[in-house]
Protein backbone atom coordinates (compact mmCIF):
# COMPACT_ATOMS: atom_id res chain seq x y z
CA MET A 1 87.08 -2.76 32.51
CA SER A 2 86.47 -4.37 28.94
CA ASP A 3 82.49 -6.15 28.92
CA PRO A 4 82.98 -9.45 29.17
CA VAL A 5 80.19 -10.56 26.77
CA ASP A 6 81.38 -10.77 23.39
CA PRO A 7 79.54 -8.88 20.21
CA ARG A 8 78.77 -11.69 18.75
CA THR A 9 76.77 -12.75 21.71
CA ARG A 10 75.31 -9.23 22.44
CA ARG A 11 73.76 -9.33 18.78
CA THR A 12 72.38 -13.00 19.33
CA ARG A 13 70.82 -11.31 22.36
CA ARG A 14 69.79 -8.18 20.14
CA ARG A 15 68.05 -10.56 17.96
CA PHE A 16 66.45 -12.88 20.69
CA VAL A 17 64.98 -9.48 22.01
CA ARG A 18 63.38 -8.57 18.71
CA ARG A 19 61.94 -11.81 17.29
CA ARG A 20 60.44 -11.63 21.56
CA TRP A 21 58.95 -8.64 20.73
CA ALA A 22 57.67 -9.16 17.20
CA ARG A 23 55.92 -12.57 18.29
CA ARG A 24 53.93 -10.78 21.21
CA TRP A 25 53.45 -7.95 18.85
CA SER A 26 51.94 -10.85 16.66
CA THR A 27 49.45 -11.77 19.28
CA LEU A 28 49.04 -8.14 20.41
CA ARG A 29 47.92 -6.46 17.16
CA TYR A 30 44.97 -8.39 16.93
CA VAL A 31 44.00 -7.93 20.55
CA VAL A 32 44.47 -3.99 19.58
CA VAL A 33 42.39 -4.17 16.44
CA GLY A 34 39.93 -5.73 17.98
CA LEU A 35 39.45 -3.25 19.99
CA VAL A 36 39.54 0.06 17.85
CA LEU A 37 36.83 -2.24 15.81
CA LEU A 38 34.91 -2.30 19.27
CA ALA A 39 35.10 0.90 20.16
CA LEU A 40 34.27 2.24 16.09
CA GLY A 41 31.08 -0.65 16.42
CA ALA A 42 30.32 1.07 19.90
CA ALA A 43 30.31 4.71 18.35
CA ALA A 44 28.47 4.16 15.39
CA VAL A 45 25.45 2.50 17.96
CA TRP A 46 25.81 4.68 19.53
CA THR A 47 25.48 7.65 16.84
CA VAL A 48 23.02 5.70 14.87
CA TRP A 49 20.64 4.83 18.05
CA PHE A 50 20.87 7.28 21.03
CA SER A 51 22.57 10.23 19.74
CA ALA A 52 20.63 13.10 17.77
CA LEU A 53 22.88 13.14 15.22
CA LEU A 54 20.80 11.07 13.21
CA ASP A 55 17.11 12.29 15.00
CA VAL A 56 14.37 12.07 12.97
CA GLU A 57 13.67 15.73 11.14
CA ASP A 58 11.28 15.58 8.54
CA VAL A 59 8.35 13.59 6.96
CA GLU A 60 7.99 13.04 3.20
CA VAL A 61 4.92 11.96 2.01
CA THR A 62 4.43 10.82 -1.79
CA GLY A 63 1.81 9.37 -3.74
CA VAL A 64 -1.30 11.54 -2.22
CA GLY A 65 -3.95 13.07 -4.48
CA PRO A 66 -7.65 14.61 -2.69
CA LEU A 67 -5.82 12.76 0.54
CA ALA A 68 -3.48 15.85 2.55
CA ALA A 69 0.01 15.32 2.96
CA ASP A 70 -0.46 16.88 6.52
CA GLN A 71 -3.37 14.40 6.95
CA VAL A 72 -0.73 11.69 6.18
CA ARG A 73 1.28 12.86 8.69
CA ALA A 74 -1.01 13.31 11.30
CA ALA A 75 -2.60 10.04 11.28
CA ALA A 76 1.45 8.40 10.95
CA GLN A 77 2.49 10.11 14.44
CA VAL A 78 6.16 10.11 13.59
CA PRO A 79 7.85 11.11 16.79
CA ASP A 80 9.71 14.27 15.63
CA GLY A 81 13.62 13.98 17.45
CA GLU A 82 13.51 10.22 17.49
CA PRO A 83 16.64 8.40 16.42
CA LEU A 84 15.90 7.20 12.67
CA ALA A 85 16.83 3.86 13.84
CA ARG A 86 14.63 3.56 16.90
CA VAL A 87 11.27 4.40 14.60
CA ASP A 88 8.68 1.76 14.32
CA LEU A 89 7.93 1.60 10.58
CA ALA A 90 5.77 -1.35 11.13
CA ALA A 91 3.53 0.85 13.54
CA VAL A 92 3.78 4.37 11.06
CA ARG A 93 2.16 1.83 7.98
CA ALA A 94 -0.42 0.01 10.14
CA ARG A 95 -1.50 4.16 11.22
CA VAL A 96 -1.35 5.50 7.72
CA GLU A 97 -3.30 2.54 6.78
CA SER A 98 -6.16 3.33 9.41
CA LEU A 99 -6.83 6.14 7.12
CA SER A 100 -10.48 5.03 4.90
CA GLN A 101 -8.82 6.98 1.81
CA VAL A 102 -5.32 4.74 2.48
CA ALA A 103 -5.79 1.54 -0.09
CA SER A 104 -1.81 0.98 1.07
CA ALA A 105 1.63 2.49 2.18
CA ASP A 106 4.88 2.20 2.00
CA VAL A 107 7.07 3.56 4.76
CA THR A 108 11.12 3.58 4.48
CA ARG A 109 13.93 5.26 6.44
CA SER A 110 15.83 8.06 4.15
CA TRP A 111 19.50 8.35 5.55
CA PRO A 112 20.38 10.68 7.34
CA ASP A 113 17.13 12.60 8.47
CA ALA A 114 13.89 11.51 7.39
CA VAL A 115 10.52 9.11 7.07
CA THR A 116 9.18 8.68 3.71
CA ILE A 117 5.77 7.37 3.41
CA SER A 118 4.75 6.57 0.18
CA VAL A 119 0.54 6.04 -0.19
CA GLU A 120 -1.35 4.28 -2.55
CA GLU A 121 -5.04 5.55 -2.14
CA ARG A 122 -8.25 4.03 -2.99
CA VAL A 123 -9.83 4.93 -6.40
CA ALA A 124 -13.84 5.30 -6.31
CA VAL A 125 -15.46 3.80 -8.83
CA ALA A 126 -19.20 4.23 -7.92
CA VAL A 127 -20.96 6.09 -5.29
CA VAL A 128 -23.55 4.35 -2.71
CA GLU A 129 -25.75 6.12 -0.34
CA LEU A 130 -25.07 4.44 3.44
CA GLY A 131 -26.87 5.70 6.09
CA GLY A 132 -28.38 8.92 4.41
CA THR A 133 -24.27 9.79 3.21
CA LEU A 134 -23.55 10.02 0.12
CA ARG A 135 -20.10 7.42 0.25
CA GLY A 136 -17.39 6.89 -3.19
CA LEU A 137 -16.57 2.94 -3.17
CA ASP A 138 -13.37 1.15 -4.88
CA ALA A 139 -13.15 -1.93 -6.58
CA GLU A 140 -13.20 -3.61 -3.25
CA GLY A 141 -16.18 -2.43 -2.04
CA VAL A 142 -14.62 -0.20 0.43
CA ALA A 143 -16.83 2.82 1.35
CA PHE A 144 -14.20 5.28 1.82
CA ARG A 145 -15.31 9.12 1.09
CA THR A 146 -17.90 10.94 1.57
CA TYR A 147 -19.79 13.37 -2.05
CA THR A 148 -22.00 16.11 -1.52
CA ALA A 149 -23.42 15.28 -4.65
CA ALA A 150 -22.21 12.25 -7.12
CA PRO A 151 -19.19 12.91 -9.36
CA GLN A 152 -19.70 13.56 -12.70
CA GLY A 153 -19.03 10.07 -14.46
CA LEU A 154 -19.62 7.97 -11.37
CA PRO A 155 -22.42 4.77 -11.35
CA ARG A 156 -24.64 5.02 -8.40
CA VAL A 157 -24.90 1.81 -6.45
CA GLU A 158 -28.78 1.45 -5.50
CA SER A 159 -28.59 -0.75 -2.18
CA GLN A 160 -31.17 -2.09 0.63
CA VAL A 161 -31.54 -1.65 3.83
CA ASP A 162 -30.59 -5.43 4.26
CA THR A 163 -27.41 -5.72 1.90
CA THR A 164 -24.55 -6.65 3.15
CA ALA A 165 -21.04 -5.41 2.93
CA GLU A 166 -20.17 -8.65 0.40
CA ALA A 167 -22.94 -7.40 -1.44
CA LEU A 168 -21.76 -4.26 -2.36
CA ARG A 169 -18.23 -5.99 -2.45
CA GLU A 170 -19.58 -7.56 -5.52
CA ALA A 171 -21.14 -4.60 -6.82
CA ALA A 172 -18.23 -2.62 -6.91
CA GLN A 173 -16.40 -5.65 -8.68
CA VAL A 174 -18.94 -5.75 -11.29
CA VAL A 175 -18.91 -1.37 -11.55
CA ALA A 176 -14.19 -2.59 -12.07
CA ALA A 177 -14.56 -5.04 -14.59
CA LEU A 178 -17.13 -3.10 -17.18
CA PRO A 179 -14.95 -2.28 -19.93
CA GLU A 180 -15.07 1.69 -20.84
CA ASP A 181 -18.08 1.42 -23.62
CA LEU A 182 -20.19 -0.39 -20.82
CA ALA A 183 -19.63 1.92 -17.83
CA GLY A 184 -19.89 5.01 -20.24
CA ARG A 185 -24.17 3.03 -20.64
CA LEU A 186 -24.53 2.89 -17.37
CA ASP A 187 -26.69 5.23 -14.95
CA HIS A 188 -26.89 2.73 -11.76
CA VAL A 189 -26.35 -0.73 -10.59
CA GLU A 190 -29.27 -1.69 -7.81
CA VAL A 191 -27.48 -4.75 -5.52
CA GLU A 192 -29.89 -6.91 -3.62
CA THR A 193 -27.50 -9.99 -2.41
CA VAL A 194 -24.46 -11.25 -3.83
CA ASP A 195 -25.63 -13.05 -6.74
CA ARG A 196 -28.48 -10.58 -7.24
CA ILE A 197 -27.05 -7.60 -9.14
CA VAL A 198 -28.61 -5.70 -11.92
CA LEU A 199 -26.80 -3.35 -14.29
CA ALA A 200 -29.50 -0.17 -15.50
CA LEU A 201 -28.11 1.97 -18.91
CA ARG A 202 -28.72 5.20 -19.30
CA ASP A 203 -31.48 4.14 -22.35
CA GLY A 204 -33.75 2.41 -19.44
CA ARG A 205 -33.01 -0.99 -20.47
CA THR A 206 -31.96 -3.52 -17.73
CA VAL A 207 -29.36 -6.56 -17.52
CA ALA A 208 -29.27 -9.19 -14.47
CA TRP A 209 -25.76 -9.72 -14.13
CA GLY A 210 -26.30 -12.30 -11.41
CA SER A 211 -22.49 -12.02 -9.45
CA ALA A 212 -19.26 -10.48 -10.04
CA ASP A 213 -18.15 -14.14 -11.34
CA GLU A 214 -17.11 -14.30 -15.13
CA SER A 215 -17.39 -10.65 -14.93
CA ALA A 216 -15.23 -10.28 -18.32
CA ARG A 217 -17.37 -12.91 -20.69
CA LYS A 218 -20.60 -11.91 -19.20
CA ALA A 219 -19.10 -8.41 -20.50
CA GLU A 220 -18.45 -9.62 -24.02
CA VAL A 221 -22.00 -11.33 -24.33
CA LEU A 222 -24.08 -8.09 -23.18
CA THR A 223 -21.72 -6.46 -25.91
CA VAL A 224 -23.14 -8.52 -28.74
CA LEU A 225 -26.52 -8.60 -26.81
CA LEU A 226 -27.23 -4.96 -26.67
CA SER A 227 -27.72 -5.10 -30.58
CA GLN A 228 -30.85 -7.43 -30.53
CA PRO A 229 -34.35 -5.30 -29.73
CA GLY A 230 -35.53 -5.86 -26.24
CA THR A 231 -35.43 -4.06 -22.66
CA ALA A 232 -34.47 -6.62 -20.29
CA TYR A 233 -31.15 -8.98 -20.49
CA ASP A 234 -29.67 -11.72 -18.81
CA VAL A 235 -26.42 -12.32 -18.87
CA SER A 236 -26.51 -14.41 -15.08
CA VAL A 237 -25.34 -17.55 -16.93
CA PRO A 238 -23.62 -16.55 -20.17
CA GLY A 239 -23.44 -19.67 -21.73
CA ARG A 240 -27.64 -18.83 -21.90
CA PRO A 241 -27.94 -14.96 -22.02
CA THR A 242 -32.05 -14.08 -22.66
CA VAL A 243 -33.39 -11.13 -23.86
CA SER A 244 -36.74 -9.81 -23.26
CA GLY A 245 -39.38 -7.30 -23.83
CA PRO A 246 -40.27 -4.90 -26.34
CA ALA A 247 -37.90 -2.95 -28.12
CA VAL A 248 -36.55 0.24 -26.98
CA GLY A 249 -38.51 3.42 -28.78
């Protein structure tokens, strides 16, 4: 028995079915692509945040000098074996910067499995005796390390029992601001208050410096003033410097 549907009708039906599936696929493919992307995203999140594939295996320390890299690692307390993405970098930085020798630290992730800690150490510009211990003093007035004897080339800061931390910071700023030629003549710095700082030179002369304000200008004035005979110089007001006492030796 012959097919009651003629060939033209069958072709029309087939084209209709193909168009209908094309429309459905046009809609479904976005769903499929979305599901694939969602699966890939979930896999990526799991890999980065929860799997052992990107766990911390190394802590790299750069920028250290007198401070040992192992001291930095011990202070950092980076959890070994924790996914790198979950390491609290701010907390690590805070722990490293709690070390007295560290001025600042930068902590970054080094994919796939390391934390990098870049350290800027404090640099001593002078030494000061505090509580019977000789300490290094940086340009910000922070006492950050101990010495058994004063290193050669570092001037001493001599303070009083009641000298404040602010006054020590001011004295450190004065030392840090001295040009090389004046720093080479300096024996020690006497500090009582923030605006009563005196430089004692190696040849016995003294310089009333005042505070750290206008230190660059004071240094210029003093360089010229030291050519004049005297034992006591005052540049605390650099616009009105004075010289007193007999000529040195």
